[in-house]
Amino acid sequence: GDMEYMARLNAQRATTVNRFPVVAGRVMSEDDVYKPAGGPAGDIYSKGSNIMHTLRATIGDEAFFRSVRTLVYGRPDPKPGNFQPRYATTKDFIRIVNAATGKDYQWFFDAYFYQAKLPELLQTRDGDDLVLSWKTPSGKPFPMPVEVKVGDKLVTLPMADGAGRIKVGDTVPVIVDPASKILRRQPYLEEYQAWKKVTDDAAKAAAEAAKKP
């Protein structure tokens, strides 16, 4: 169900390293992918699934599944006997998504495929307004719409120029991206990863010490 699906995605976000881009822009062997000096390693799975989750939320189910079917089968209506094995590239997928949506989503793939660090959603208050703005490591445009729940009302900010604001007041609860649709930088996950590394290193050191006579 949805709860299990989201729990798994959140668990994967906690293990995503974001050290190198998931798409290198060059051919890489399997060994290259897992080399600490330059490969994305397990991020191709944990980050990859979260990127696809965000893409689905961004373009909608019809365009998303049409794009995936076209990528895999070469056509949006695969049936036994009407397709053959095929190879495709990242650029092929971008063209497929753009064709399925009738829009240019290069900005999406620039942010998630071709750079390592995630977009960050900055939040500030200006009187009764909540002000949101996107910050990307590359400084490139990132017009990702953002849902905001104000009390019982769900509002979508277009963020066409990478920024938006909404009047929220002081008396109602406000939740940004309440359904966790957007893969973005979350400082609490970075803090968790740092804590886990310290804990794991300490446990490893203790285990090594216990082996000594």
N, C-alpha and C. Protein backbone atom coordinates (compact mmCIF):
# COMPACT_ATOMS: atom_id res chain seq x y z
N GLY A 1 0.81 -1.20 0.00
CA GLY A 1 0.00 0.00 0.00
C GLY A 1 0.85 1.26 0.00
N ASP A 2 0.19 2.40 0.06
CA ASP A 2 0.91 3.68 0.03
C ASP A 2 1.87 3.85 1.20
N MET A 3 1.47 3.38 2.39
CA MET A 3 2.33 3.55 3.56
C MET A 3 3.63 2.78 3.40
N GLU A 4 3.53 1.54 2.92
CA GLU A 4 4.72 0.73 2.71
C GLU A 4 5.60 1.33 1.63
N TYR A 5 4.95 1.83 0.57
CA TYR A 5 5.67 2.46 -0.54
C TYR A 5 6.47 3.66 -0.06
N MET A 6 5.83 4.55 0.70
CA MET A 6 6.51 5.74 1.18
C MET A 6 7.58 5.40 2.21
N ALA A 7 7.31 4.39 3.04
CA ALA A 7 8.31 3.98 4.03
C ALA A 7 9.58 3.50 3.35
N ARG A 8 9.41 2.75 2.27
CA ARG A 8 10.57 2.26 1.53
C ARG A 8 11.33 3.40 0.86
N LEU A 9 10.60 4.33 0.26
CA LEU A 9 11.26 5.48 -0.37
C LEU A 9 12.04 6.30 0.66
N ASN A 10 11.45 6.53 1.83
CA ASN A 10 12.13 7.30 2.86
C ASN A 10 13.37 6.57 3.37
N ALA A 11 13.28 5.25 3.47
CA ALA A 11 14.45 4.47 3.89
C ALA A 11 15.57 4.59 2.86
N GLN A 12 15.19 4.62 1.58
CA GLN A 12 16.19 4.77 0.53
C GLN A 12 16.81 6.17 0.55
N ARG A 13 16.01 7.17 0.85
CA ARG A 13 16.55 8.53 0.95
C ARG A 13 17.61 8.61 2.04
N ALA A 14 17.41 7.87 3.11
CA ALA A 14 18.36 7.90 4.22
C ALA A 14 19.69 7.27 3.87
N THR A 15 19.73 6.44 2.83
CA THR A 15 20.98 5.78 2.44
C THR A 15 21.61 6.42 1.20
N THR A 16 20.95 7.42 0.62
CA THR A 16 21.48 8.07 -0.57
C THR A 16 22.62 9.01 -0.19
N VAL A 17 23.75 8.88 -0.89
CA VAL A 17 24.96 9.62 -0.52
C VAL A 17 25.08 10.96 -1.24
N ASN A 18 24.64 11.03 -2.49
CA ASN A 18 24.70 12.27 -3.28
C ASN A 18 26.13 12.78 -3.45
N ARG A 19 27.08 11.84 -3.62
CA ARG A 19 28.47 12.26 -3.79
C ARG A 19 28.81 12.52 -5.26
N PHE A 20 28.23 11.69 -6.14
CA PHE A 20 28.46 11.85 -7.57
C PHE A 20 27.13 11.75 -8.30
N PRO A 21 27.01 12.39 -9.47
CA PRO A 21 25.75 12.32 -10.23
C PRO A 21 25.41 10.89 -10.62
N VAL A 22 24.12 10.58 -10.71
CA VAL A 22 23.72 9.23 -11.12
C VAL A 22 23.97 9.02 -12.61
N VAL A 23 24.07 10.10 -13.37
CA VAL A 23 24.42 10.03 -14.79
C VAL A 23 25.73 10.79 -14.98
N ALA A 24 26.76 10.06 -15.40
CA ALA A 24 28.09 10.67 -15.50
C ALA A 24 28.30 11.44 -16.79
N GLY A 25 27.45 11.17 -17.79
CA GLY A 25 27.65 11.81 -19.08
C GLY A 25 28.69 11.13 -19.93
N ARG A 26 29.11 9.95 -19.50
CA ARG A 26 30.07 9.14 -20.25
C ARG A 26 29.80 7.68 -19.96
N VAL A 27 30.31 6.81 -20.80
CA VAL A 27 30.11 5.38 -20.59
C VAL A 27 30.93 4.93 -19.39
N MET A 28 30.29 4.17 -18.50
CA MET A 28 30.98 3.65 -17.31
C MET A 28 30.76 2.15 -17.22
N SER A 29 31.81 1.43 -16.86
CA SER A 29 31.67 0.00 -16.61
C SER A 29 31.03 -0.21 -15.25
N GLU A 30 30.63 -1.43 -14.97
CA GLU A 30 30.05 -1.73 -13.65
C GLU A 30 31.05 -1.42 -12.55
N ASP A 31 32.32 -1.74 -12.78
CA ASP A 31 33.35 -1.44 -11.78
C ASP A 31 33.48 0.07 -11.56
N ASP A 32 33.42 0.83 -12.64
CA ASP A 32 33.52 2.29 -12.52
C ASP A 32 32.39 2.87 -11.67
N VAL A 33 31.19 2.32 -11.85
CA VAL A 33 30.03 2.82 -11.12
C VAL A 33 30.23 2.70 -9.61
N TYR A 34 30.92 1.63 -9.18
CA TYR A 34 31.05 1.38 -7.75
C TYR A 34 32.41 1.81 -7.18
N LYS A 35 33.22 2.49 -7.98
CA LYS A 35 34.49 3.00 -7.47
C LYS A 35 34.24 4.23 -6.60
N PRO A 36 34.81 4.25 -5.37
CA PRO A 36 34.57 5.38 -4.47
C PRO A 36 35.05 6.72 -5.03
N ALA A 37 36.01 6.68 -5.95
CA ALA A 37 36.59 7.92 -6.45
C ALA A 37 35.74 8.64 -7.48
N GLY A 38 34.70 8.00 -7.99
CA GLY A 38 33.96 8.70 -9.03
C GLY A 38 32.64 8.10 -9.44
N GLY A 39 32.21 7.03 -8.76
CA GLY A 39 30.97 6.38 -9.16
C GLY A 39 29.82 6.65 -8.21
N PRO A 40 28.60 6.65 -8.72
CA PRO A 40 27.43 6.90 -7.86
C PRO A 40 27.07 5.72 -6.98
N ALA A 41 27.61 4.53 -7.29
CA ALA A 41 27.38 3.32 -6.48
C ALA A 41 25.88 3.08 -6.27
N GLY A 42 25.49 2.82 -5.01
CA GLY A 42 24.11 2.46 -4.72
C GLY A 42 23.10 3.56 -4.97
N ASP A 43 23.56 4.79 -5.20
CA ASP A 43 22.62 5.88 -5.50
C ASP A 43 21.83 5.62 -6.78
N ILE A 44 22.38 4.80 -7.69
CA ILE A 44 21.62 4.52 -8.92
C ILE A 44 20.31 3.82 -8.60
N TYR A 45 20.26 3.15 -7.43
CA TYR A 45 19.03 2.48 -7.01
C TYR A 45 18.22 3.36 -6.05
N SER A 46 18.84 3.76 -4.93
CA SER A 46 18.10 4.49 -3.90
C SER A 46 17.68 5.88 -4.39
N LYS A 47 18.60 6.59 -5.01
CA LYS A 47 18.26 7.91 -5.54
C LYS A 47 17.42 7.78 -6.80
N GLY A 48 17.75 6.77 -7.61
CA GLY A 48 17.02 6.57 -8.86
C GLY A 48 15.53 6.37 -8.64
N SER A 49 15.17 5.56 -7.65
CA SER A 49 13.75 5.32 -7.40
C SER A 49 13.05 6.57 -6.90
N ASN A 50 13.75 7.38 -6.10
CA ASN A 50 13.15 8.62 -5.61
C ASN A 50 13.04 9.67 -6.71
N ILE A 51 13.98 9.67 -7.64
CA ILE A 51 13.86 10.57 -8.79
C ILE A 51 12.62 10.22 -9.60
N MET A 52 12.42 8.93 -9.83
CA MET A 52 11.26 8.50 -10.61
C MET A 52 9.96 8.79 -9.87
N HIS A 53 9.97 8.66 -8.56
CA HIS A 53 8.80 9.02 -7.75
C HIS A 53 8.47 10.51 -7.94
N THR A 54 9.50 11.35 -7.90
CA THR A 54 9.29 12.78 -8.08
C THR A 54 8.83 13.11 -9.49
N LEU A 55 9.40 12.42 -10.48
CA LEU A 55 8.98 12.64 -11.86
C LEU A 55 7.51 12.29 -12.04
N ARG A 56 7.10 11.18 -11.46
CA ARG A 56 5.70 10.76 -11.56
C ARG A 56 4.77 11.81 -10.96
N ALA A 57 5.16 12.34 -9.79
CA ALA A 57 4.34 13.36 -9.15
C ALA A 57 4.31 14.65 -9.96
N THR A 58 5.38 14.91 -10.70
CA THR A 58 5.49 16.16 -11.46
C THR A 58 4.69 16.13 -12.76
N ILE A 59 4.76 15.01 -13.50
CA ILE A 59 4.13 14.98 -14.83
C ILE A 59 2.81 14.22 -14.84
N GLY A 60 2.48 13.51 -13.74
CA GLY A 60 1.21 12.78 -13.68
C GLY A 60 1.35 11.34 -14.16
N ASP A 61 0.41 10.51 -13.72
CA ASP A 61 0.49 9.07 -14.00
C ASP A 61 0.45 8.75 -15.49
N GLU A 62 -0.43 9.39 -16.24
CA GLU A 62 -0.59 9.02 -17.65
C GLU A 62 0.71 9.24 -18.42
N ALA A 63 1.29 10.43 -18.28
CA ALA A 63 2.53 10.74 -18.99
C ALA A 63 3.69 9.92 -18.45
N PHE A 64 3.70 9.68 -17.14
CA PHE A 64 4.80 8.93 -16.54
C PHE A 64 4.84 7.50 -17.07
N PHE A 65 3.72 6.80 -16.97
CA PHE A 65 3.72 5.39 -17.38
C PHE A 65 3.85 5.26 -18.90
N ARG A 66 3.33 6.21 -19.64
CA ARG A 66 3.54 6.21 -21.09
C ARG A 66 5.03 6.34 -21.41
N SER A 67 5.70 7.22 -20.67
CA SER A 67 7.14 7.42 -20.89
C SER A 67 7.94 6.17 -20.55
N VAL A 68 7.61 5.54 -19.44
CA VAL A 68 8.35 4.35 -19.03
C VAL A 68 8.13 3.21 -20.02
N ARG A 69 6.90 3.02 -20.46
CA ARG A 69 6.62 1.96 -21.44
C ARG A 69 7.37 2.23 -22.75
N THR A 70 7.37 3.47 -23.17
CA THR A 70 8.06 3.82 -24.42
C THR A 70 9.56 3.61 -24.28
N LEU A 71 10.11 3.94 -23.12
CA LEU A 71 11.54 3.73 -22.89
C LEU A 71 11.89 2.25 -22.97
N VAL A 72 11.10 1.41 -22.32
CA VAL A 72 11.41 -0.01 -22.22
C VAL A 72 11.08 -0.76 -23.51
N TYR A 73 9.93 -0.46 -24.09
CA TYR A 73 9.44 -1.25 -25.22
C TYR A 73 9.55 -0.54 -26.57
N GLY A 74 9.85 0.75 -26.55
CA GLY A 74 9.93 1.49 -27.81
C GLY A 74 8.59 1.98 -28.31
N ARG A 75 7.54 1.74 -27.55
CA ARG A 75 6.19 2.17 -27.91
C ARG A 75 5.33 2.22 -26.66
N PRO A 76 4.27 3.04 -26.65
CA PRO A 76 3.46 3.19 -25.44
C PRO A 76 2.41 2.11 -25.26
N ASP A 77 2.24 1.24 -26.29
CA ASP A 77 1.18 0.22 -26.24
C ASP A 77 1.75 -1.18 -26.47
N PRO A 78 2.70 -1.62 -25.66
CA PRO A 78 3.33 -2.92 -25.91
C PRO A 78 2.36 -4.09 -25.72
N LYS A 79 2.46 -5.03 -26.64
CA LYS A 79 1.70 -6.27 -26.56
C LYS A 79 2.61 -7.39 -27.06
N PRO A 80 2.34 -8.62 -26.67
CA PRO A 80 3.18 -9.72 -27.15
C PRO A 80 3.30 -9.70 -28.67
N GLY A 81 4.54 -9.67 -29.14
CA GLY A 81 4.78 -9.72 -30.57
C GLY A 81 4.96 -8.39 -31.27
N ASN A 82 4.67 -7.25 -30.58
CA ASN A 82 4.79 -5.97 -31.27
C ASN A 82 5.99 -5.13 -30.81
N PHE A 83 6.92 -5.76 -30.10
CA PHE A 83 8.12 -5.04 -29.68
C PHE A 83 9.32 -5.98 -29.68
N GLN A 84 10.50 -5.39 -29.67
CA GLN A 84 11.75 -6.15 -29.66
C GLN A 84 12.67 -5.59 -28.59
N PRO A 85 13.66 -6.38 -28.14
CA PRO A 85 14.64 -5.85 -27.19
C PRO A 85 15.31 -4.60 -27.76
N ARG A 86 15.56 -3.63 -26.89
CA ARG A 86 16.15 -2.38 -27.36
C ARG A 86 17.07 -1.78 -26.31
N TYR A 87 17.92 -0.91 -26.75
CA TYR A 87 18.79 -0.16 -25.86
C TYR A 87 18.38 1.31 -25.93
N ALA A 88 18.50 1.99 -24.81
CA ALA A 88 18.15 3.41 -24.78
C ALA A 88 19.10 4.15 -23.84
N THR A 89 19.21 5.44 -24.04
CA THR A 89 20.09 6.27 -23.23
C THR A 89 19.28 7.24 -22.37
N THR A 90 19.98 7.92 -21.49
CA THR A 90 19.33 8.95 -20.68
C THR A 90 18.72 10.04 -21.56
N LYS A 91 19.45 10.44 -22.59
CA LYS A 91 18.93 11.47 -23.50
C LYS A 91 17.68 10.98 -24.22
N ASP A 92 17.64 9.68 -24.54
CA ASP A 92 16.42 9.12 -25.14
C ASP A 92 15.24 9.29 -24.20
N PHE A 93 15.47 9.00 -22.92
CA PHE A 93 14.38 9.10 -21.95
C PHE A 93 13.89 10.54 -21.81
N ILE A 94 14.83 11.48 -21.80
CA ILE A 94 14.44 12.89 -21.70
C ILE A 94 13.58 13.29 -22.89
N ARG A 95 13.96 12.85 -24.08
CA ARG A 95 13.16 13.15 -25.28
C ARG A 95 11.77 12.51 -25.18
N ILE A 96 11.72 11.30 -24.64
CA ILE A 96 10.44 10.60 -24.49
C ILE A 96 9.52 11.35 -23.53
N VAL A 97 10.07 11.78 -22.39
CA VAL A 97 9.27 12.52 -21.40
C VAL A 97 8.78 13.84 -22.00
N ASN A 98 9.63 14.53 -22.70
CA ASN A 98 9.23 15.80 -23.32
C ASN A 98 8.12 15.58 -24.35
N ALA A 99 8.22 14.48 -25.10
CA ALA A 99 7.18 14.19 -26.11
C ALA A 99 5.87 13.82 -25.44
N ALA A 100 5.94 13.05 -24.35
CA ALA A 100 4.72 12.60 -23.66
C ALA A 100 3.99 13.74 -22.98
N THR A 101 4.74 14.74 -22.53
CA THR A 101 4.14 15.85 -21.79
C THR A 101 3.89 17.08 -22.65
N GLY A 102 4.59 17.17 -23.77
CA GLY A 102 4.50 18.37 -24.58
C GLY A 102 5.21 19.55 -23.95
N LYS A 103 6.10 19.28 -22.99
CA LYS A 103 6.85 20.33 -22.30
C LYS A 103 8.33 19.95 -22.26
N ASP A 104 9.16 20.93 -21.97
CA ASP A 104 10.60 20.70 -21.86
C ASP A 104 10.97 20.51 -20.39
N TYR A 105 11.34 19.28 -20.04
CA TYR A 105 11.71 18.97 -18.65
C TYR A 105 13.21 18.81 -18.47
N GLN A 106 13.99 19.45 -19.34
CA GLN A 106 15.44 19.36 -19.20
C GLN A 106 15.88 19.86 -17.83
N TRP A 107 15.21 20.89 -17.31
CA TRP A 107 15.56 21.43 -15.99
C TRP A 107 15.46 20.37 -14.91
N PHE A 108 14.47 19.48 -15.04
CA PHE A 108 14.28 18.41 -14.05
C PHE A 108 15.48 17.46 -14.07
N PHE A 109 15.85 17.03 -15.26
CA PHE A 109 16.93 16.06 -15.38
C PHE A 109 18.30 16.68 -15.11
N ASP A 110 18.45 17.97 -15.43
CA ASP A 110 19.69 18.65 -15.07
C ASP A 110 19.90 18.62 -13.56
N ALA A 111 18.82 18.81 -12.82
CA ALA A 111 18.91 18.87 -11.36
C ALA A 111 19.13 17.50 -10.74
N TYR A 112 18.44 16.48 -11.25
CA TYR A 112 18.46 15.18 -10.58
C TYR A 112 19.43 14.17 -11.19
N PHE A 113 19.66 14.23 -12.49
CA PHE A 113 20.53 13.25 -13.14
C PHE A 113 21.98 13.72 -13.22
N TYR A 114 22.17 14.98 -13.55
CA TYR A 114 23.51 15.45 -13.93
C TYR A 114 24.25 16.22 -12.84
N GLN A 115 23.66 16.39 -11.68
CA GLN A 115 24.40 16.96 -10.56
C GLN A 115 24.19 16.09 -9.33
N ALA A 116 25.19 16.07 -8.47
CA ALA A 116 25.15 15.15 -7.33
C ALA A 116 24.26 15.66 -6.20
N LYS A 117 24.45 16.90 -5.81
CA LYS A 117 23.71 17.45 -4.68
C LYS A 117 22.27 17.75 -5.08
N LEU A 118 21.39 17.66 -4.11
CA LEU A 118 19.97 17.84 -4.37
C LEU A 118 19.54 19.30 -4.29
N PRO A 119 18.46 19.66 -4.99
CA PRO A 119 17.88 20.99 -4.84
C PRO A 119 17.44 21.20 -3.39
N GLU A 120 17.53 22.44 -2.93
CA GLU A 120 17.12 22.77 -1.56
C GLU A 120 15.98 23.78 -1.61
N LEU A 121 14.96 23.52 -0.80
CA LEU A 121 13.82 24.43 -0.73
C LEU A 121 13.98 25.34 0.48
N LEU A 122 14.24 26.61 0.23
CA LEU A 122 14.43 27.58 1.31
C LEU A 122 13.08 28.14 1.73
N GLN A 123 12.90 28.29 3.04
CA GLN A 123 11.63 28.77 3.58
C GLN A 123 11.88 29.93 4.54
N THR A 124 11.19 31.04 4.30
CA THR A 124 11.27 32.19 5.19
C THR A 124 9.87 32.76 5.41
N ARG A 125 9.73 33.59 6.42
CA ARG A 125 8.45 34.25 6.68
C ARG A 125 8.57 35.74 6.40
N ASP A 126 7.54 36.30 5.80
CA ASP A 126 7.44 37.74 5.53
C ASP A 126 6.06 38.18 5.99
N GLY A 127 5.97 38.59 7.24
CA GLY A 127 4.67 38.91 7.81
C GLY A 127 3.81 37.66 7.89
N ASP A 128 2.64 37.71 7.29
CA ASP A 128 1.74 36.56 7.28
C ASP A 128 2.04 35.59 6.13
N ASP A 129 3.04 35.91 5.32
CA ASP A 129 3.34 35.09 4.15
C ASP A 129 4.47 34.09 4.42
N LEU A 130 4.30 32.91 3.86
CA LEU A 130 5.40 31.94 3.79
C LEU A 130 6.04 32.10 2.41
N VAL A 131 7.34 32.34 2.38
CA VAL A 131 8.06 32.56 1.13
C VAL A 131 8.96 31.36 0.86
N LEU A 132 8.78 30.76 -0.31
CA LEU A 132 9.57 29.60 -0.70
C LEU A 132 10.43 29.94 -1.91
N SER A 133 11.63 29.38 -1.94
CA SER A 133 12.50 29.56 -3.10
C SER A 133 13.40 28.35 -3.24
N TRP A 134 13.64 27.96 -4.50
CA TRP A 134 14.51 26.82 -4.79
C TRP A 134 15.95 27.29 -4.94
N LYS A 135 16.86 26.48 -4.41
CA LYS A 135 18.29 26.73 -4.56
C LYS A 135 18.94 25.46 -5.09
N THR A 136 19.60 25.55 -6.23
CA THR A 136 20.28 24.38 -6.80
C THR A 136 21.79 24.61 -6.73
N PRO A 137 22.56 23.53 -6.54
CA PRO A 137 24.02 23.67 -6.47
C PRO A 137 24.62 24.33 -7.71
N SER A 138 24.00 24.08 -8.86
CA SER A 138 24.52 24.62 -10.12
C SER A 138 24.04 26.04 -10.40
N GLY A 139 23.01 26.46 -9.66
CA GLY A 139 22.42 27.76 -9.92
C GLY A 139 21.46 27.78 -11.10
N LYS A 140 21.21 26.61 -11.69
CA LYS A 140 20.30 26.54 -12.84
C LYS A 140 18.85 26.67 -12.39
N PRO A 141 17.97 27.09 -13.29
CA PRO A 141 16.54 27.21 -12.95
C PRO A 141 15.96 25.87 -12.51
N PHE A 142 15.04 25.94 -11.55
CA PHE A 142 14.38 24.73 -11.05
C PHE A 142 12.93 25.10 -10.70
N PRO A 143 12.06 25.18 -11.70
CA PRO A 143 10.67 25.61 -11.48
C PRO A 143 9.77 24.46 -11.02
N MET A 144 10.14 23.80 -9.95
CA MET A 144 9.36 22.67 -9.45
C MET A 144 8.19 23.16 -8.61
N PRO A 145 6.95 22.87 -9.01
CA PRO A 145 5.80 23.25 -8.18
C PRO A 145 5.86 22.60 -6.80
N VAL A 146 5.32 23.29 -5.82
CA VAL A 146 5.35 22.80 -4.44
C VAL A 146 3.95 22.86 -3.84
N GLU A 147 3.52 21.76 -3.25
CA GLU A 147 2.26 21.74 -2.52
C GLU A 147 2.49 22.24 -1.09
N VAL A 148 1.55 23.04 -0.61
CA VAL A 148 1.59 23.54 0.76
C VAL A 148 0.22 23.31 1.38
N LYS A 149 0.21 22.65 2.53
CA LYS A 149 -1.05 22.44 3.25
C LYS A 149 -1.17 23.48 4.35
N VAL A 150 -2.18 24.32 4.24
CA VAL A 150 -2.44 25.37 5.22
C VAL A 150 -3.74 25.03 5.92
N GLY A 151 -3.64 24.57 7.17
CA GLY A 151 -4.83 24.05 7.83
C GLY A 151 -5.33 22.83 7.08
N ASP A 152 -6.58 22.88 6.63
CA ASP A 152 -7.15 21.76 5.86
C ASP A 152 -7.10 22.00 4.35
N LYS A 153 -6.52 23.11 3.94
CA LYS A 153 -6.51 23.48 2.52
C LYS A 153 -5.16 23.15 1.88
N LEU A 154 -5.21 22.46 0.73
CA LEU A 154 -3.99 22.12 0.00
C LEU A 154 -3.85 23.05 -1.21
N VAL A 155 -2.74 23.76 -1.27
CA VAL A 155 -2.49 24.73 -2.34
C VAL A 155 -1.20 24.34 -3.06
N THR A 156 -1.21 24.46 -4.39
CA THR A 156 -0.01 24.21 -5.18
C THR A 156 0.57 25.53 -5.66
N LEU A 157 1.81 25.81 -5.27
CA LEU A 157 2.50 27.00 -5.74
C LEU A 157 3.24 26.65 -7.03
N PRO A 158 3.00 27.37 -8.12
CA PRO A 158 3.62 27.03 -9.41
C PRO A 158 5.14 27.13 -9.40
N MET A 159 5.70 28.09 -8.65
CA MET A 159 7.15 28.28 -8.55
C MET A 159 7.78 28.44 -9.93
N ALA A 160 7.08 29.13 -10.83
CA ALA A 160 7.52 29.24 -12.22
C ALA A 160 8.91 29.84 -12.35
N ASP A 161 9.24 30.80 -11.50
CA ASP A 161 10.57 31.40 -11.54
C ASP A 161 11.45 30.89 -10.41
N GLY A 162 11.04 29.75 -9.82
CA GLY A 162 11.81 29.16 -8.73
C GLY A 162 11.46 29.72 -7.37
N ALA A 163 10.41 30.52 -7.29
CA ALA A 163 10.01 31.11 -6.01
C ALA A 163 8.50 31.29 -5.97
N GLY A 164 7.98 31.39 -4.75
CA GLY A 164 6.55 31.59 -4.57
C GLY A 164 6.24 31.97 -3.14
N ARG A 165 5.06 32.47 -2.91
CA ARG A 165 4.65 32.83 -1.55
C ARG A 165 3.17 32.56 -1.37
N ILE A 166 2.79 32.35 -0.12
CA ILE A 166 1.40 32.08 0.20
C ILE A 166 1.10 32.65 1.57
N LYS A 167 -0.08 33.22 1.73
CA LYS A 167 -0.48 33.77 3.02
C LYS A 167 -0.91 32.63 3.94
N VAL A 168 -0.29 32.56 5.11
CA VAL A 168 -0.57 31.45 6.02
C VAL A 168 -1.00 31.93 7.40
N GLY A 169 -0.68 33.17 7.77
CA GLY A 169 -1.05 33.65 9.09
C GLY A 169 -0.23 32.98 10.18
N ASP A 170 -0.72 33.07 11.41
CA ASP A 170 0.02 32.52 12.55
C ASP A 170 -0.76 31.47 13.33
N THR A 171 -2.00 31.20 12.94
CA THR A 171 -2.86 30.38 13.80
C THR A 171 -3.17 29.00 13.24
N VAL A 172 -2.69 28.68 12.03
CA VAL A 172 -3.00 27.38 11.45
C VAL A 172 -1.70 26.62 11.17
N PRO A 173 -1.74 25.29 11.26
CA PRO A 173 -0.55 24.51 10.94
C PRO A 173 -0.24 24.57 9.45
N VAL A 174 1.04 24.61 9.11
CA VAL A 174 1.49 24.68 7.72
C VAL A 174 2.47 23.54 7.46
N ILE A 175 2.22 22.78 6.40
CA ILE A 175 3.11 21.68 6.03
C ILE A 175 3.50 21.86 4.56
N VAL A 176 4.78 21.92 4.30
CA VAL A 176 5.30 22.05 2.94
C VAL A 176 5.55 20.66 2.37
N ASP A 177 5.08 20.41 1.16
CA ASP A 177 5.20 19.11 0.50
C ASP A 177 4.71 18.00 1.43
N PRO A 178 3.45 18.06 1.84
CA PRO A 178 2.93 17.13 2.85
C PRO A 178 2.97 15.66 2.44
N ALA A 179 2.93 15.37 1.15
CA ALA A 179 2.95 13.98 0.69
C ALA A 179 4.35 13.51 0.30
N SER A 180 5.36 14.32 0.60
CA SER A 180 6.76 13.97 0.28
C SER A 180 6.93 13.58 -1.19
N LYS A 181 6.39 14.42 -2.06
CA LYS A 181 6.48 14.13 -3.49
C LYS A 181 7.82 14.51 -4.10
N ILE A 182 8.53 15.44 -3.46
CA ILE A 182 9.72 16.02 -4.07
C ILE A 182 10.99 15.55 -3.38
N LEU A 183 11.91 15.01 -4.17
CA LEU A 183 13.23 14.67 -3.66
C LEU A 183 14.03 15.97 -3.54
N ARG A 184 14.45 16.28 -2.32
CA ARG A 184 15.17 17.53 -2.08
C ARG A 184 16.09 17.36 -0.88
N ARG A 185 16.98 18.31 -0.73
CA ARG A 185 17.92 18.26 0.39
C ARG A 185 17.15 18.36 1.70
N GLN A 186 17.47 17.44 2.61
CA GLN A 186 16.86 17.43 3.93
C GLN A 186 17.98 17.37 4.97
N PRO A 187 18.29 18.48 5.64
CA PRO A 187 19.39 18.50 6.60
C PRO A 187 19.29 17.41 7.67
N TYR A 188 18.08 17.05 8.07
CA TYR A 188 17.96 16.03 9.12
C TYR A 188 18.47 14.67 8.65
N LEU A 189 18.35 14.40 7.34
CA LEU A 189 18.90 13.15 6.81
C LEU A 189 20.42 13.18 6.81
N GLU A 190 20.99 14.33 6.52
CA GLU A 190 22.45 14.47 6.56
C GLU A 190 22.96 14.29 7.99
N GLU A 191 22.22 14.82 8.96
CA GLU A 191 22.59 14.65 10.37
C GLU A 191 22.50 13.18 10.77
N TYR A 192 21.46 12.50 10.29
CA TYR A 192 21.31 11.07 10.59
C TYR A 192 22.47 10.28 9.99
N GLN A 193 22.84 10.59 8.76
CA GLN A 193 23.93 9.87 8.11
C GLN A 193 25.25 10.09 8.84
N ALA A 194 25.49 11.32 9.29
CA ALA A 194 26.71 11.60 10.04
C ALA A 194 26.73 10.83 11.36
N TRP A 195 25.59 10.81 12.05
CA TRP A 195 25.49 10.05 13.31
C TRP A 195 25.70 8.56 13.07
N LYS A 196 25.11 8.03 12.03
CA LYS A 196 25.22 6.61 11.74
C LYS A 196 26.66 6.23 11.41
N LYS A 197 27.37 7.10 10.70
CA LYS A 197 28.76 6.81 10.37
C LYS A 197 29.60 6.74 11.64
N VAL A 198 29.40 7.69 12.55
CA VAL A 198 30.14 7.67 13.81
C VAL A 198 29.82 6.41 14.60
N THR A 199 28.54 6.05 14.65
CA THR A 199 28.11 4.86 15.38
C THR A 199 28.69 3.59 14.76
N ASP A 200 28.61 3.49 13.44
CA ASP A 200 29.13 2.31 12.74
C ASP A 200 30.64 2.21 12.89
N ASP A 201 31.35 3.34 12.80
CA ASP A 201 32.81 3.32 12.96
C ASP A 201 33.20 2.88 14.36
N ALA A 202 32.44 3.36 15.36
CA ALA A 202 32.73 2.97 16.74
C ALA A 202 32.49 1.48 16.95
N ALA A 203 31.40 0.97 16.38
CA ALA A 203 31.10 -0.46 16.51
C ALA A 203 32.16 -1.30 15.82
N LYS A 204 32.63 -0.84 14.67
CA LYS A 204 33.68 -1.57 13.94
C LYS A 204 34.98 -1.58 14.73
N ALA A 205 35.32 -0.43 15.31
CA ALA A 205 36.55 -0.34 16.11
C ALA A 205 36.47 -1.24 17.33
N ALA A 206 35.30 -1.29 17.96
CA ALA A 206 35.12 -2.15 19.13
C ALA A 206 35.24 -3.62 18.75
N ALA A 207 34.68 -3.98 17.60
CA ALA A 207 34.76 -5.37 17.14
C ALA A 207 36.20 -5.76 16.83
N GLU A 208 36.96 -4.84 16.22
CA GLU A 208 38.36 -5.12 15.92
C GLU A 208 39.18 -5.25 17.20
N ALA A 209 38.87 -4.39 18.17
CA ALA A 209 39.59 -4.45 19.45
C ALA A 209 39.31 -5.75 20.18
N ALA A 210 38.08 -6.25 20.05
CA ALA A 210 37.71 -7.49 20.74
C ALA A 210 38.43 -8.70 20.16
N LYS A 211 38.88 -8.60 18.92
CA LYS A 211 39.58 -9.72 18.28
C LYS A 211 41.02 -9.85 18.76
N LYS A 212 41.57 -8.74 19.29
CA LYS A 212 42.97 -8.76 19.72
C LYS A 212 43.12 -9.54 21.02
N PRO A 213 44.20 -10.28 21.13
CA PRO A 213 44.43 -11.07 22.36
C PRO A 213 44.71 -10.16 23.56
